[in-house]
Amino acid sequence: MALTRTEGALTEAPSAAAWAGRHGRAGAERRTAVLPTAILLLGAVYCLLPVVWVLIASTKNDAQLFNTFTLEPNGSLFSNIHDLSSYADGVFWHWMLNTALYAGGGALLSTAVSALTGYALAKFEFRGRTLLYNLLLAGVLVPPVVLALPQYLLLAKFSLTNTYWSVLLPSILSPYGIYLARIYSNAAVPDEVIESARVDGCPEGRLFARIAVPMMVPGLVTIFLFQFVAVWNNFLLPFIMLSDENKFPLTVGLYTLLNRGSSAPALYSLVVTGSLLSIIPLMILFLAMQRYWRTDIASGAVKQ
């Protein structure tokens, strides 16, 4: 360690070994940070590449779709949209409205049921609460394909197959949504606030609607988006339940177009264009609702 004079005082200058040690550790930290960044970039490419392919492929007509370079765009997007809108008297937009009905209605009802059930499981003491919660957790682990046939047989007994209800009703109960609502009720709604409201004579219904729900909004938005996307992308349930083409959602409708493409190759470009258009509402919904997450993150950063 060497001594140096600074403004009349003697100070110790760091040795070369200490300097090299500090810079060596900094270099090792930078090298360590490269690996997570590279993994995140690979994950982003993996997720975005199919979307980019759909975007580029939708700009090609049926001939260009198979005879040009995969990532080479062309100028047939608006022509494809026009052809898709004209196909079968605009049945694609009817499928879009059906999908919005299934996803919007199912997500709203599911969010309401999840909020009520999750709040009750979190804030009320009653016999069988733990058993009921464990059964709901078990329901999270059950694949939807296992429930498809029992749901079909049950709805067939009530003559509800091939109706809008056959897709809406199974979407209302979401074990995962109830699980999230219970966790968020515990975290966002203090027991002290509930007890104070009860002492003041607030009815349970008003307490839930006026006090608990506003505190749970970010969590309920998350549940709504999860369920909306799940119903929007659902293929198996409507494929089993529906036979009327006018009741098809986008997933089943585009699947029927894809099957017809074997005898009419011009339909392939319409399927790709329809896939692109089906993504846009999900993007708009996410961008419109992400401010609720930002609000929740900001409020969570402030210590009460």
C-alpha atoms as a PDB file:
ATOM      1  CA  MET A   1       0.000   0.000   0.000  1.00  0.00           C
ATOM      2  CA  ALA A   2       1.574   3.340  -1.091  1.00  0.00           C
ATOM      3  CA  LEU A   3       1.155   6.727   0.656  1.00  0.00           C
ATOM      4  CA  THR A   4       0.134   9.810  -1.352  1.00  0.00           C
ATOM      5  CA  ARG A   5      -0.218  13.437  -0.282  1.00  0.00           C
ATOM      6  CA  THR A   6      -3.585  15.094  -0.988  1.00  0.00           C
ATOM      7  CA  GLU A   7      -4.092  18.730   0.151  1.00  0.00           C
ATOM      8  CA  GLY A   8      -1.510  18.366   2.906  1.00  0.00           C
ATOM      9  CA  ALA A   9      -2.778  15.018   4.200  1.00  0.00           C
ATOM     10  CA  LEU A  10      -1.303  11.615   3.724  1.00  0.00           C
ATOM     11  CA  THR A  11      -3.670   9.030   2.263  1.00  0.00           C
ATOM     12  CA  GLU A  12      -3.190   5.435   1.338  1.00  0.00           C
ATOM     13  CA  ALA A  13      -3.289   4.685  -2.375  1.00  0.00           C
ATOM     14  CA  PRO A  14      -4.814   1.352  -3.336  1.00  0.00           C
ATOM     15  CA  SER A  15      -2.309  -1.241  -4.376  1.00  0.00           C
ATOM     16  CA  ALA A  16      -2.288  -2.733  -7.839  1.00  0.00           C
ATOM     17  CA  ALA A  17      -3.529  -6.043  -6.464  1.00  0.00           C
ATOM     18  CA  ALA A  18      -6.547  -4.442  -4.751  1.00  0.00           C
ATOM     19  CA  TRP A  19      -7.371  -2.435  -7.865  1.00  0.00           C
ATOM     20  CA  ALA A  20      -7.149  -5.536 -10.038  1.00  0.00           C
ATOM     21  CA  GLY A  21      -9.305  -7.488  -7.592  1.00  0.00           C
ATOM     22  CA  ARG A  22     -12.120  -4.943  -7.624  1.00  0.00           C
ATOM     23  CA  HIS A  23     -12.111  -4.645 -11.408  1.00  0.00           C
ATOM     24  CA  GLY A  24     -11.928  -8.408 -11.745  1.00  0.00           C
ATOM     25  CA  ARG A  25     -15.062  -8.820  -9.629  1.00  0.00           C
ATOM     26  CA  ALA A  26     -16.858  -6.140 -11.649  1.00  0.00           C
ATOM     27  CA  GLY A  27     -15.920  -7.901 -14.874  1.00  0.00           C
ATOM     28  CA  ALA A  28     -17.148 -11.229 -13.503  1.00  0.00           C
ATOM     29  CA  GLU A  29     -20.482  -9.643 -12.528  1.00  0.00           C
ATOM     30  CA  ARG A  30     -20.886  -8.207 -16.023  1.00  0.00           C
ATOM     31  CA  ARG A  31     -20.113 -11.584 -17.579  1.00  0.00           C
ATOM     32  CA  THR A  32     -22.599 -13.253 -15.226  1.00  0.00           C
ATOM     33  CA  ALA A  33     -25.316 -10.764 -16.261  1.00  0.00           C
ATOM     34  CA  VAL A  34     -24.822 -11.637 -19.933  1.00  0.00           C
ATOM     35  CA  LEU A  35     -26.247 -15.156 -19.529  1.00  0.00           C
ATOM     36  CA  PRO A  36     -29.716 -14.143 -18.201  1.00  0.00           C
ATOM     37  CA  THR A  37     -29.939 -11.441 -20.864  1.00  0.00           C
ATOM     38  CA  ALA A  38     -29.095 -13.943 -23.609  1.00  0.00           C
ATOM     39  CA  ILE A  39     -31.694 -16.408 -22.288  1.00  0.00           C
ATOM     40  CA  LEU A  40     -34.354 -13.672 -22.173  1.00  0.00           C
ATOM     41  CA  LEU A  41     -33.511 -12.631 -25.736  1.00  0.00           C
ATOM     42  CA  LEU A  42     -33.820 -16.225 -26.938  1.00  0.00           C
ATOM     43  CA  GLY A  43     -37.170 -16.509 -25.169  1.00  0.00           C
ATOM     44  CA  ALA A  44     -38.366 -13.265 -26.775  1.00  0.00           C
ATOM     45  CA  VAL A  45     -37.325 -14.482 -30.230  1.00  0.00           C
ATOM     46  CA  TYR A  46     -39.042 -17.822 -29.617  1.00  0.00           C
ATOM     47  CA  CYS A  47     -42.300 -16.074 -28.661  1.00  0.00           C
ATOM     48  CA  LEU A  48     -42.241 -13.321 -31.285  1.00  0.00           C
ATOM     49  CA  LEU A  49     -41.042 -15.282 -34.329  1.00  0.00           C
ATOM     50  CA  PRO A  50     -44.420 -17.019 -34.945  1.00  0.00           C
ATOM     51  CA  VAL A  51     -46.182 -13.640 -34.703  1.00  0.00           C
ATOM     52  CA  VAL A  52     -43.722 -12.114 -37.168  1.00  0.00           C
ATOM     53  CA  TRP A  53     -44.246 -15.060 -39.514  1.00  0.00           C
ATOM     54  CA  VAL A  54     -48.039 -14.658 -39.385  1.00  0.00           C
ATOM     55  CA  LEU A  55     -47.696 -10.921 -40.034  1.00  0.00           C
ATOM     56  CA  ILE A  56     -45.453 -11.475 -43.066  1.00  0.00           C
ATOM     57  CA  ALA A  57     -47.394 -14.463 -44.406  1.00  0.00           C
ATOM     58  CA  SER A  58     -50.644 -12.496 -44.289  1.00  0.00           C
ATOM     59  CA  THR A  59     -49.182 -10.085 -46.866  1.00  0.00           C
ATOM     60  CA  LYS A  60     -48.946 -12.885 -49.466  1.00  0.00           C
ATOM     61  CA  ASN A  61     -51.529 -14.407 -51.752  1.00  0.00           C
ATOM     62  CA  ASP A  62     -51.944 -18.157 -52.086  1.00  0.00           C
ATOM     63  CA  ALA A  63     -49.234 -18.468 -54.766  1.00  0.00           C
ATOM     64  CA  GLN A  64     -46.692 -16.299 -52.949  1.00  0.00           C
ATOM     65  CA  LEU A  65     -47.330 -18.120 -49.684  1.00  0.00           C
ATOM     66  CA  PHE A  66     -45.610 -21.264 -50.964  1.00  0.00           C
ATOM     67  CA  ASN A  67     -43.291 -19.893 -53.662  1.00  0.00           C
ATOM     68  CA  THR A  68     -41.464 -17.005 -51.978  1.00  0.00           C
ATOM     69  CA  PHE A  69     -38.948 -16.687 -49.148  1.00  0.00           C
ATOM     70  CA  THR A  70     -40.608 -17.186 -45.759  1.00  0.00           C
ATOM     71  CA  LEU A  71     -39.678 -13.777 -44.302  1.00  0.00           C
ATOM     72  CA  GLU A  72     -40.133 -11.796 -47.527  1.00  0.00           C
ATOM     73  CA  PRO A  73     -43.222  -9.526 -47.253  1.00  0.00           C
ATOM     74  CA  ASN A  74     -45.512  -8.719 -50.169  1.00  0.00           C
ATOM     75  CA  GLY A  75     -48.421  -6.364 -50.746  1.00  0.00           C
ATOM     76  CA  SER A  76     -51.527  -8.558 -50.607  1.00  0.00           C
ATOM     77  CA  LEU A  77     -52.609  -7.893 -47.010  1.00  0.00           C
ATOM     78  CA  PHE A  78     -55.596  -5.666 -47.775  1.00  0.00           C
ATOM     79  CA  SER A  79     -56.607  -7.900 -50.661  1.00  0.00           C
ATOM     80  CA  ASN A  80     -56.566 -10.887 -48.313  1.00  0.00           C
ATOM     81  CA  ILE A  81     -58.649  -9.004 -45.736  1.00  0.00           C
ATOM     82  CA  HIS A  82     -61.177  -8.121 -48.453  1.00  0.00           C
ATOM     83  CA  ASP A  83     -61.346 -11.734 -49.654  1.00  0.00           C
ATOM     84  CA  LEU A  84     -61.715 -12.991 -46.094  1.00  0.00           C
ATOM     85  CA  SER A  85     -64.510 -10.509 -45.390  1.00  0.00           C
ATOM     86  CA  SER A  86     -66.299 -11.565 -48.573  1.00  0.00           C
ATOM     87  CA  TYR A  87     -65.968 -15.296 -47.968  1.00  0.00           C
ATOM     88  CA  ALA A  88     -69.342 -16.966 -47.265  1.00  0.00           C
ATOM     89  CA  ASP A  89     -71.126 -13.628 -46.782  1.00  0.00           C
ATOM     90  CA  GLY A  90     -68.665 -12.414 -44.160  1.00  0.00           C
ATOM     91  CA  VAL A  91     -68.867 -15.449 -41.899  1.00  0.00           C
ATOM     92  CA  PHE A  92     -65.414 -14.604 -40.487  1.00  0.00           C
ATOM     93  CA  TRP A  93     -66.744 -11.491 -38.750  1.00  0.00           C
ATOM     94  CA  HIS A  94     -69.646 -13.530 -37.415  1.00  0.00           C
ATOM     95  CA  TRP A  95     -67.080 -15.891 -35.903  1.00  0.00           C
ATOM     96  CA  MET A  96     -65.268 -12.868 -34.459  1.00  0.00           C
ATOM     97  CA  LEU A  97     -68.462 -11.651 -32.766  1.00  0.00           C
ATOM     98  CA  ASN A  98     -69.155 -15.138 -31.433  1.00  0.00           C
ATOM     99  CA  THR A  99     -65.646 -15.296 -29.987  1.00  0.00           C
ATOM    100  CA  ALA A 100     -66.054 -11.876 -28.363  1.00  0.00           C
ATOM    101  CA  LEU A 101     -69.335 -13.073 -26.827  1.00  0.00           C
ATOM    102  CA  TYR A 102     -67.843 -16.307 -25.524  1.00  0.00           C
ATOM    103  CA  ALA A 103     -64.641 -14.703 -24.225  1.00  0.00           C
ATOM    104  CA  GLY A 104     -66.154 -11.469 -22.908  1.00  0.00           C
ATOM    105  CA  GLY A 105     -69.215 -13.034 -21.302  1.00  0.00           C
ATOM    106  CA  GLY A 106     -67.314 -16.028 -19.960  1.00  0.00           C
ATOM    107  CA  ALA A 107     -64.501 -13.885 -18.549  1.00  0.00           C
ATOM    108  CA  LEU A 108     -66.888 -11.434 -16.860  1.00  0.00           C
ATOM    109  CA  LEU A 109     -68.959 -14.178 -15.251  1.00  0.00           C
ATOM    110  CA  SER A 110     -65.864 -16.135 -14.283  1.00  0.00           C
ATOM    111  CA  THR A 111     -64.256 -13.063 -12.709  1.00  0.00           C
ATOM    112  CA  ALA A 112     -67.406 -12.349 -10.680  1.00  0.00           C
ATOM    113  CA  VAL A 113     -67.655 -15.948  -9.448  1.00  0.00           C
ATOM    114  CA  SER A 114     -63.923 -16.069  -8.699  1.00  0.00           C
ATOM    115  CA  ALA A 115     -64.058 -12.796  -6.749  1.00  0.00           C
ATOM    116  CA  LEU A 116     -66.998 -13.913  -4.601  1.00  0.00           C
ATOM    117  CA  THR A 117     -65.609 -17.386  -3.969  1.00  0.00           C
ATOM    118  CA  GLY A 118     -62.029 -16.277  -3.367  1.00  0.00           C
ATOM    119  CA  TYR A 119     -63.135 -13.531  -0.979  1.00  0.00           C
ATOM    120  CA  ALA A 120     -65.335 -15.961   0.956  1.00  0.00           C
ATOM    121  CA  LEU A 121     -62.527 -18.512   1.240  1.00  0.00           C
ATOM    122  CA  ALA A 122     -60.104 -15.839   2.426  1.00  0.00           C
ATOM    123  CA  LYS A 123     -62.236 -13.854   4.880  1.00  0.00           C
ATOM    124  CA  PHE A 124     -64.905 -16.189   6.261  1.00  0.00           C
ATOM    125  CA  GLU A 125     -64.540 -19.101   8.664  1.00  0.00           C
ATOM    126  CA  PHE A 126     -66.870 -22.039   7.966  1.00  0.00           C
ATOM    127  CA  ARG A 127     -66.802 -25.809   8.134  1.00  0.00           C
ATOM    128  CA  GLY A 128     -65.219 -27.498   5.149  1.00  0.00           C
ATOM    129  CA  ARG A 129     -63.383 -24.378   3.982  1.00  0.00           C
ATOM    130  CA  THR A 130     -60.003 -26.101   3.805  1.00  0.00           C
ATOM    131  CA  LEU A 131     -61.470 -29.155   2.070  1.00  0.00           C
ATOM    132  CA  LEU A 132     -63.238 -26.980  -0.490  1.00  0.00           C
ATOM    133  CA  TYR A 133     -60.069 -25.007  -1.153  1.00  0.00           C
ATOM    134  CA  ASN A 134     -58.040 -28.206  -1.609  1.00  0.00           C
ATOM    135  CA  LEU A 135     -60.614 -29.522  -4.073  1.00  0.00           C
ATOM    136  CA  LEU A 136     -60.335 -26.297  -6.051  1.00  0.00           C
ATOM    137  CA  LEU A 137     -56.554 -26.624  -6.080  1.00  0.00           C
ATOM    138  CA  ALA A 138     -56.940 -30.168  -7.379  1.00  0.00           C
ATOM    139  CA  GLY A 139     -59.165 -28.786 -10.127  1.00  0.00           C
ATOM    140  CA  VAL A 140     -56.294 -26.586 -11.297  1.00  0.00           C
ATOM    141  CA  LEU A 141     -54.277 -29.731 -12.034  1.00  0.00           C
ATOM    142  CA  VAL A 142     -56.988 -31.425 -14.126  1.00  0.00           C
ATOM    143  CA  PRO A 143     -56.405 -30.984 -17.897  1.00  0.00           C
ATOM    144  CA  PRO A 144     -59.412 -29.552 -19.777  1.00  0.00           C
ATOM    145  CA  VAL A 145     -59.425 -32.527 -22.153  1.00  0.00           C
ATOM    146  CA  VAL A 146     -60.370 -34.805 -19.228  1.00  0.00           C
ATOM    147  CA  LEU A 147     -63.512 -32.753 -18.552  1.00  0.00           C
ATOM    148  CA  ALA A 148     -64.589 -32.303 -22.175  1.00  0.00           C
ATOM    149  CA  LEU A 149     -66.595 -35.527 -22.554  1.00  0.00           C
ATOM    150  CA  PRO A 150     -68.354 -35.326 -19.136  1.00  0.00           C
ATOM    151  CA  GLN A 151     -69.304 -31.719 -19.864  1.00  0.00           C
ATOM    152  CA  TYR A 152     -70.698 -32.706 -23.254  1.00  0.00           C
ATOM    153  CA  LEU A 153     -72.778 -35.558 -21.801  1.00  0.00           C
ATOM    154  CA  LEU A 154     -74.084 -33.346 -18.990  1.00  0.00           C
ATOM    155  CA  LEU A 155     -75.108 -30.502 -21.304  1.00  0.00           C
ATOM    156  CA  ALA A 156     -76.615 -32.958 -23.795  1.00  0.00           C
ATOM    157  CA  LYS A 157     -79.047 -34.139 -21.087  1.00  0.00           C
ATOM    158  CA  PHE A 158     -80.368 -30.578 -20.846  1.00  0.00           C
ATOM    159  CA  SER A 159     -80.429 -30.099 -24.652  1.00  0.00           C
ATOM    160  CA  LEU A 160     -77.826 -27.327 -24.416  1.00  0.00           C
ATOM    161  CA  THR A 161     -75.321 -28.687 -26.929  1.00  0.00           C
ATOM    162  CA  ASN A 162     -74.946 -26.676 -30.136  1.00  0.00           C
ATOM    163  CA  THR A 163     -76.043 -23.538 -28.272  1.00  0.00           C
ATOM    164  CA  TYR A 164     -74.123 -20.518 -27.019  1.00  0.00           C
ATOM    165  CA  TRP A 165     -74.624 -21.756 -23.463  1.00  0.00           C
ATOM    166  CA  SER A 166     -72.642 -24.919 -24.182  1.00  0.00           C
ATOM    167  CA  VAL A 167     -69.498 -22.784 -24.495  1.00  0.00           C
ATOM    168  CA  LEU A 168     -70.375 -20.107 -21.932  1.00  0.00           C
ATOM    169  CA  LEU A 169     -71.408 -22.287 -18.975  1.00  0.00           C
ATOM    170  CA  PRO A 170     -68.195 -24.369 -18.688  1.00  0.00           C
ATOM    171  CA  SER A 171     -66.189 -21.129 -18.815  1.00  0.00           C
ATOM    172  CA  ILE A 172     -67.803 -19.610 -15.725  1.00  0.00           C
ATOM    173  CA  LEU A 173     -66.067 -21.715 -13.071  1.00  0.00           C
ATOM    174  CA  SER A 174     -62.283 -21.304 -13.117  1.00  0.00           C
ATOM    175  CA  PRO A 175     -60.383 -23.047 -10.282  1.00  0.00           C
ATOM    176  CA  TYR A 176     -57.267 -21.066 -11.119  1.00  0.00           C
ATOM    177  CA  GLY A 177     -59.228 -17.800 -11.030  1.00  0.00           C
ATOM    178  CA  ILE A 178     -60.643 -18.664  -7.597  1.00  0.00           C
ATOM    179  CA  TYR A 179     -57.147 -19.536  -6.399  1.00  0.00           C
ATOM    180  CA  LEU A 180     -55.818 -16.149  -7.544  1.00  0.00           C
ATOM    181  CA  ALA A 181     -58.802 -14.309  -6.039  1.00  0.00           C
ATOM    182  CA  ARG A 182     -58.260 -15.949  -2.651  1.00  0.00           C
ATOM    183  CA  ILE A 183     -54.570 -15.040  -2.634  1.00  0.00           C
ATOM    184  CA  TYR A 184     -55.302 -11.473  -3.683  1.00  0.00           C
ATOM    185  CA  SER A 185     -58.090 -11.080  -1.123  1.00  0.00           C
ATOM    186  CA  ASN A 186     -55.690 -12.080   1.636  1.00  0.00           C
ATOM    187  CA  ALA A 187     -53.004  -9.693   0.395  1.00  0.00           C
ATOM    188  CA  ALA A 188     -55.028  -6.641  -0.660  1.00  0.00           C
ATOM    189  CA  VAL A 189     -57.948  -6.501   1.789  1.00  0.00           C
ATOM    190  CA  PRO A 190     -56.769  -5.964   5.396  1.00  0.00           C
ATOM    191  CA  ASP A 191     -58.737  -7.735   8.097  1.00  0.00           C
ATOM    192  CA  GLU A 192     -58.732  -4.506  10.122  1.00  0.00           C
ATOM    193  CA  VAL A 193     -60.679  -2.701   7.398  1.00  0.00           C
ATOM    194  CA  ILE A 194     -63.280  -5.467   7.277  1.00  0.00           C
ATOM    195  CA  GLU A 195     -63.684  -5.518  11.049  1.00  0.00           C
ATOM    196  CA  SER A 196     -64.059  -1.729  11.173  1.00  0.00           C
ATOM    197  CA  ALA A 197     -66.763  -1.836   8.513  1.00  0.00           C
ATOM    198  CA  ARG A 198     -68.615  -4.583  10.366  1.00  0.00           C
ATOM    199  CA  VAL A 199     -68.430  -2.653  13.639  1.00  0.00           C
ATOM    200  CA  ASP A 200     -69.954   0.344  11.838  1.00  0.00           C
ATOM    201  CA  GLY A 201     -72.866  -1.856  10.750  1.00  0.00           C
ATOM    202  CA  CYS A 202     -71.943  -2.212   7.072  1.00  0.00           C
ATOM    203  CA  PRO A 203     -73.812  -5.161   5.465  1.00  0.00           C
ATOM    204  CA  GLU A 204     -71.631  -7.913   4.030  1.00  0.00           C
ATOM    205  CA  GLY A 205     -72.822  -7.314   0.474  1.00  0.00           C
ATOM    206  CA  ARG A 206     -72.027  -3.610   0.590  1.00  0.00           C
ATOM    207  CA  LEU A 207     -68.711  -4.326   2.327  1.00  0.00           C
ATOM    208  CA  PHE A 208     -67.702  -6.619  -0.515  1.00  0.00           C
ATOM    209  CA  ALA A 209     -68.934  -4.358  -3.328  1.00  0.00           C
ATOM    210  CA  ARG A 210     -67.836  -0.968  -1.962  1.00  0.00           C
ATOM    211  CA  ILE A 211     -64.688  -1.822   0.016  1.00  0.00           C
ATOM    212  CA  ALA A 212     -63.218  -5.189  -0.983  1.00  0.00           C
ATOM    213  CA  VAL A 213     -63.743  -5.075  -4.749  1.00  0.00           C
ATOM    214  CA  PRO A 214     -61.994  -1.686  -5.295  1.00  0.00           C
ATOM    215  CA  MET A 215     -58.982  -3.024  -3.379  1.00  0.00           C
ATOM    216  CA  MET A 216     -59.004  -6.195  -5.492  1.00  0.00           C
ATOM    217  CA  VAL A 217     -59.271  -4.481  -8.895  1.00  0.00           C
ATOM    218  CA  PRO A 218     -55.699  -5.230 -10.109  1.00  0.00           C
ATOM    219  CA  GLY A 219     -56.091  -8.885  -9.169  1.00  0.00           C
ATOM    220  CA  LEU A 220     -59.530  -9.090 -10.781  1.00  0.00           C
ATOM    221  CA  VAL A 221     -58.137  -7.570 -13.974  1.00  0.00           C
ATOM    222  CA  THR A 222     -55.506 -10.302 -14.010  1.00  0.00           C
ATOM    223  CA  ILE A 223     -58.165 -12.988 -13.568  1.00  0.00           C
ATOM    224  CA  PHE A 224     -60.302 -11.418 -16.304  1.00  0.00           C
ATOM    225  CA  LEU A 225     -57.411 -11.329 -18.774  1.00  0.00           C
ATOM    226  CA  PHE A 226     -56.342 -14.898 -18.033  1.00  0.00           C
ATOM    227  CA  GLN A 227     -59.871 -16.176 -18.542  1.00  0.00           C
ATOM    228  CA  PHE A 228     -60.521 -13.989 -21.588  1.00  0.00           C
ATOM    229  CA  VAL A 229     -57.408 -15.270 -23.352  1.00  0.00           C
ATOM    230  CA  ALA A 230     -58.179 -18.866 -22.342  1.00  0.00           C
ATOM    231  CA  VAL A 231     -61.713 -18.722 -23.772  1.00  0.00           C
ATOM    232  CA  TRP A 232     -60.621 -16.738 -26.849  1.00  0.00           C
ATOM    233  CA  ASN A 233     -58.046 -19.405 -27.734  1.00  0.00           C
ATOM    234  CA  ASN A 234     -60.183 -22.378 -26.683  1.00  0.00           C
ATOM    235  CA  PHE A 235     -60.594 -24.919 -29.458  1.00  0.00           C
ATOM    236  CA  LEU A 236     -61.518 -28.275 -27.932  1.00  0.00           C
ATOM    237  CA  LEU A 237     -64.697 -27.310 -26.067  1.00  0.00           C
ATOM    238  CA  PRO A 238     -66.483 -25.463 -28.924  1.00  0.00           C
ATOM    239  CA  PHE A 239     -65.253 -28.087 -31.390  1.00  0.00           C
ATOM    240  CA  ILE A 240     -67.032 -30.773 -29.365  1.00  0.00           C
ATOM    241  CA  MET A 241     -70.119 -28.757 -28.412  1.00  0.00           C
ATOM    242  CA  LEU A 242     -70.985 -26.932 -31.650  1.00  0.00           C
ATOM    243  CA  SER A 243     -72.049 -28.180 -35.066  1.00  0.00           C
ATOM    244  CA  ASP A 244     -73.705 -25.014 -36.392  1.00  0.00           C
ATOM    245  CA  GLU A 245     -71.153 -22.992 -38.365  1.00  0.00           C
ATOM    246  CA  ASN A 246     -72.900 -19.746 -37.427  1.00  0.00           C
ATOM    247  CA  LYS A 247     -72.083 -20.398 -33.749  1.00  0.00           C
ATOM    248  CA  PHE A 248     -68.408 -21.227 -34.294  1.00  0.00           C
ATOM    249  CA  PRO A 249     -65.697 -19.152 -32.600  1.00  0.00           C
ATOM    250  CA  LEU A 250     -62.608 -18.126 -34.551  1.00  0.00           C
ATOM    251  CA  THR A 251     -60.576 -21.169 -33.548  1.00  0.00           C
ATOM    252  CA  VAL A 252     -63.073 -23.684 -34.906  1.00  0.00           C
ATOM    253  CA  GLY A 253     -64.012 -21.505 -37.882  1.00  0.00           C
ATOM    254  CA  LEU A 254     -60.418 -21.101 -39.035  1.00  0.00           C
ATOM    255  CA  TYR A 255     -59.888 -24.828 -38.516  1.00  0.00           C
ATOM    256  CA  THR A 256     -62.745 -25.585 -40.919  1.00  0.00           C
ATOM    257  CA  LEU A 257     -61.204 -23.216 -43.476  1.00  0.00           C
ATOM    258  CA  LEU A 258     -57.855 -24.952 -43.061  1.00  0.00           C
ATOM    259  CA  ASN A 259     -59.447 -28.334 -43.759  1.00  0.00           C
ATOM    260  CA  ARG A 260     -61.140 -26.967 -46.878  1.00  0.00           C
ATOM    261  CA  GLY A 261     -57.775 -25.665 -48.069  1.00  0.00           C
ATOM    262  CA  SER A 262     -56.766 -29.153 -49.215  1.00  0.00           C
ATOM    263  CA  SER A 263     -59.279 -28.848 -52.064  1.00  0.00           C
ATOM    264  CA  ALA A 264     -59.109 -25.034 -52.391  1.00  0.00           C
ATOM    265  CA  PRO A 265     -55.503 -23.843 -51.749  1.00  0.00           C
ATOM    266  CA  ALA A 266     -56.593 -20.202 -52.025  1.00  0.00           C
ATOM    267  CA  LEU A 267     -58.101 -20.548 -48.552  1.00  0.00           C
ATOM    268  CA  TYR A 268     -54.678 -20.950 -46.910  1.00  0.00           C
ATOM    269  CA  SER A 269     -53.900 -17.247 -47.263  1.00  0.00           C
ATOM    270  CA  LEU A 270     -57.312 -16.454 -45.745  1.00  0.00           C
ATOM    271  CA  VAL A 271     -56.564 -18.697 -42.762  1.00  0.00           C
ATOM    272  CA  VAL A 272     -53.261 -16.905 -42.139  1.00  0.00           C
ATOM    273  CA  THR A 273     -54.917 -13.494 -42.476  1.00  0.00           C
ATOM    274  CA  GLY A 274     -57.693 -14.551 -40.113  1.00  0.00           C
ATOM    275  CA  SER A 275     -55.084 -15.704 -37.598  1.00  0.00           C
ATOM    276  CA  LEU A 276     -53.466 -12.264 -37.725  1.00  0.00           C
ATOM    277  CA  LEU A 277     -56.786 -10.477 -37.217  1.00  0.00           C
ATOM    278  CA  SER A 278     -57.628 -12.756 -34.286  1.00  0.00           C
ATOM    279  CA  ILE A 279     -54.527 -11.562 -32.401  1.00  0.00           C
ATOM    280  CA  ILE A 280     -55.345  -7.849 -32.629  1.00  0.00           C
ATOM    281  CA  PRO A 281     -58.237  -7.769 -30.079  1.00  0.00           C
ATOM    282  CA  LEU A 282     -56.039  -9.504 -27.494  1.00  0.00           C
ATOM    283  CA  MET A 283     -53.275  -6.940 -27.997  1.00  0.00           C
ATOM    284  CA  ILE A 284     -55.736  -4.043 -27.677  1.00  0.00           C
ATOM    285  CA  LEU A 285     -57.252  -5.521 -24.514  1.00  0.00           C
ATOM    286  CA  PHE A 286     -53.853  -6.011 -22.897  1.00  0.00           C
ATOM    287  CA  LEU A 287     -52.680  -2.485 -23.729  1.00  0.00           C
ATOM    288  CA  ALA A 288     -55.942  -1.023 -22.424  1.00  0.00           C
ATOM    289  CA  MET A 289     -55.769  -2.836 -19.084  1.00  0.00           C
ATOM    290  CA  GLN A 290     -52.068  -2.856 -18.266  1.00  0.00           C
ATOM    291  CA  ARG A 291     -52.409   0.480 -16.436  1.00  0.00           C
ATOM    292  CA  TYR A 292     -54.136  -1.389 -13.599  1.00  0.00           C
ATOM    293  CA  TRP A 293     -51.005  -3.473 -13.101  1.00  0.00           C
ATOM    294  CA  ARG A 294     -48.845  -0.357 -13.134  1.00  0.00           C
ATOM    295  CA  THR A 295     -51.078   1.205 -10.488  1.00  0.00           C
ATOM    296  CA  ASP A 296     -50.817  -1.894  -8.322  1.00  0.00           C
ATOM    297  CA  ILE A 297     -47.029  -2.026  -8.629  1.00  0.00           C
ATOM    298  CA  ALA A 298     -46.727   1.664  -7.762  1.00  0.00           C
ATOM    299  CA  SER A 299     -48.997   1.341  -4.733  1.00  0.00           C
ATOM    300  CA  GLY A 300     -47.103  -1.717  -3.561  1.00  0.00           C
ATOM    301  CA  ALA A 301     -43.847   0.238  -3.650  1.00  0.00           C
ATOM    302  CA  VAL A 302     -45.167   2.736  -1.070  1.00  0.00           C
ATOM    303  CA  LYS A 303     -44.778   1.558   2.506  1.00  0.00           C
ATOM    304  CA  GLN A 304     -47.861   2.235   4.570  1.00  0.00           C
END
